[in-house]
Structures are given as structure tokens and as C-alpha cells.
Amino acid sequence: MVQKYSQLTKAHQLIKKQIKGTPEEIAKRIDLSKSSFYNYMEELKQLGAEIKYCRTCQCFKYTNNFKLKVTIETNEMTKVFGGQQSNLQVFDFELDKLFFDKKDGYF
């Protein structure tokens, strides 16, 4: 599940940064098939994103001021001295803080 939201945020980041390439090339940068990439774009649209592909600059663009923040919280129980202690794990994928590969500026 965490991987799904990680991929969703990566797709969002590629659109937000207007990374150039064909839809196939853009999908490949985040290890997705073209159809999976379009499925993630459909999920973003369901969340309110307006997305268009610009053939002139060969990139996807948001046509509205769409922002995405995904927070996943899990509550795992761990045994401590015969009792239990709650450990809250938070996975926070915030768009502007995603990691890029330093060699080429992409994932």
C-alpha cells in the first residue's frame, strides 16, 4: 500500500515539474507501464487534478493549482516487558520533498 502512494506521488511530481518525454518515457522513469501511469493520473483527476498533455513541450501539466499530500499512519503493537506499547508509524509523502536521482535530476 505504501508503494502505491509512493508511485502516486512520483507521478504527481513528474507532472508538477513538467518533466519532458512521451507518456511511455515518463512512465518508465518511475518504473510503471504506460497504462499504470494513466491509471495513477486518473486517480489524481478523481482527487481534483486537471491534467493535460502538451505536445509542443512534450510534458504533462496541471491546468489548476493542484497540490497533493499523502499521509499514511499505522498503529503497530510491540511487546515490552510483558506489556504492550503502541508505536505509531507515519509515512508522509509531500510532493516538494520527494527524492530525485542526482545524476540526471529524475527518479
Protein backbone atom coordinates (compact mmCIF):
# COMPACT_ATOMS: atom_id res chain seq x y z
CA MET A 1 0.00 0.00 0.00
CA VAL A 2 2.82 2.41 0.82
CA GLN A 3 4.37 1.65 -2.56
CA LYS A 4 1.12 2.59 -4.32
CA TYR A 5 1.04 6.01 -2.69
CA SER A 6 4.74 6.46 -3.29
CA GLN A 7 4.15 5.82 -7.00
CA LEU A 8 1.18 8.19 -6.97
CA THR A 9 3.30 10.97 -5.50
CA LYS A 10 6.08 10.29 -8.00
CA ALA A 11 3.60 10.55 -10.88
CA HIS A 12 2.33 13.80 -9.36
CA GLN A 13 5.86 15.13 -9.06
CA LEU A 14 6.63 14.36 -12.71
CA ILE A 15 3.51 16.24 -13.76
CA LYS A 16 4.17 19.15 -11.41
CA LYS A 17 7.79 19.51 -12.57
CA GLN A 18 6.67 19.17 -16.22
CA ILE A 19 9.28 16.50 -16.95
CA LYS A 20 9.61 16.15 -20.72
CA GLY A 21 9.06 12.97 -22.68
CA THR A 22 6.46 10.82 -24.31
CA PRO A 23 3.91 9.23 -21.96
CA GLU A 24 5.86 5.94 -22.27
CA GLU A 25 9.17 7.62 -21.37
CA ILE A 26 7.67 9.45 -18.42
CA ALA A 27 6.06 6.26 -17.08
CA LYS A 28 9.34 4.36 -17.47
CA ARG A 29 11.15 6.91 -15.27
CA ILE A 30 9.12 5.75 -12.30
CA ASP A 31 9.09 2.07 -13.30
CA LEU A 32 5.49 1.99 -14.49
CA SER A 33 3.85 0.82 -17.66
CA LYS A 34 2.09 3.45 -19.73
CA SER A 35 -1.31 2.07 -18.69
CA SER A 36 -0.37 2.08 -14.98
CA PHE A 37 0.83 5.68 -15.29
CA TYR A 38 -2.51 6.65 -16.85
CA ASN A 39 -4.31 4.84 -14.01
CA TYR A 40 -2.42 6.97 -11.48
CA MET A 41 -3.28 10.08 -13.48
CA GLU A 42 -6.93 9.06 -13.34
CA GLU A 43 -6.66 8.76 -9.54
CA LEU A 44 -5.15 12.26 -9.40
CA LYS A 45 -8.04 13.54 -11.53
CA GLN A 46 -10.51 11.95 -9.11
CA LEU A 47 -8.78 13.94 -6.36
CA GLY A 48 -9.35 17.19 -8.25
CA ALA A 49 -6.34 17.46 -10.56
CA GLU A 50 -6.82 18.85 -14.05
CA ILE A 51 -4.12 17.30 -16.25
CA LYS A 52 -3.29 17.96 -19.90
CA TYR A 53 -0.50 16.71 -22.15
CA CYS A 54 1.26 19.46 -24.11
CA ARG A 55 2.57 18.08 -27.41
CA THR A 56 4.64 21.21 -28.03
CA CYS A 57 6.77 20.83 -24.90
CA GLN A 58 6.16 17.06 -24.59
CA CYS A 59 5.10 17.11 -20.96
CA PHE A 60 2.08 16.70 -18.74
CA LYS A 61 0.84 19.84 -16.97
CA TYR A 62 -1.65 20.71 -14.29
CA THR A 63 -4.16 23.26 -15.51
CA ASN A 64 -5.27 24.07 -11.98
CA ASN A 65 -3.41 24.73 -8.74
CA PHE A 66 -3.44 21.08 -7.60
CA LYS A 67 -1.46 20.00 -4.54
CA LEU A 68 -1.09 16.54 -3.09
CA LYS A 69 -0.07 15.40 0.37
CA VAL A 70 -0.41 11.76 1.35
CA THR A 71 -0.03 10.68 4.97
CA ILE A 72 -0.25 7.02 5.98
CA GLU A 73 -0.39 6.11 9.64
CA THR A 74 -0.14 2.61 11.06
CA ASN A 75 -0.51 1.55 14.65
CA GLU A 76 1.70 -1.45 15.38
CA MET A 77 1.77 -3.07 18.78
CA THR A 78 5.11 -4.25 20.18
CA LYS A 79 5.71 -6.33 23.28
CA VAL A 80 7.63 -4.57 26.06
CA PHE A 81 8.33 -6.35 29.39
CA GLY A 82 5.13 -8.39 29.25
CA GLY A 83 3.01 -5.37 28.35
CA GLN A 84 2.32 -3.63 25.10
CA GLN A 85 3.43 -0.29 23.82
CA SER A 86 1.87 1.44 20.84
CA ASN A 87 4.27 2.59 18.13
CA LEU A 88 2.74 5.00 15.64
CA GLN A 89 4.49 4.91 12.28
CA VAL A 90 3.88 7.77 9.89
CA PHE A 91 4.79 7.74 6.21
CA ASP A 92 4.46 11.25 4.85
CA PHE A 93 4.88 11.81 1.13
CA GLU A 94 4.91 15.50 0.47
CA LEU A 95 5.36 16.44 -3.14
CA ASP A 96 8.05 19.02 -2.88
CA LYS A 97 10.19 16.79 -0.70
CA LEU A 98 10.48 13.78 -2.99
CA PHE A 99 13.88 12.45 -3.79
CA PHE A 100 15.47 12.76 -7.20
CA ASP A 101 18.41 10.88 -8.61
CA LYS A 102 21.33 13.30 -8.54
CA LYS A 103 22.88 12.21 -11.82
CA ASP A 104 20.03 13.26 -14.09
CA GLY A 105 17.52 15.02 -11.88
CA TYR A 106 14.86 12.31 -12.23
CA PHE A 107 13.69 9.40 -10.11
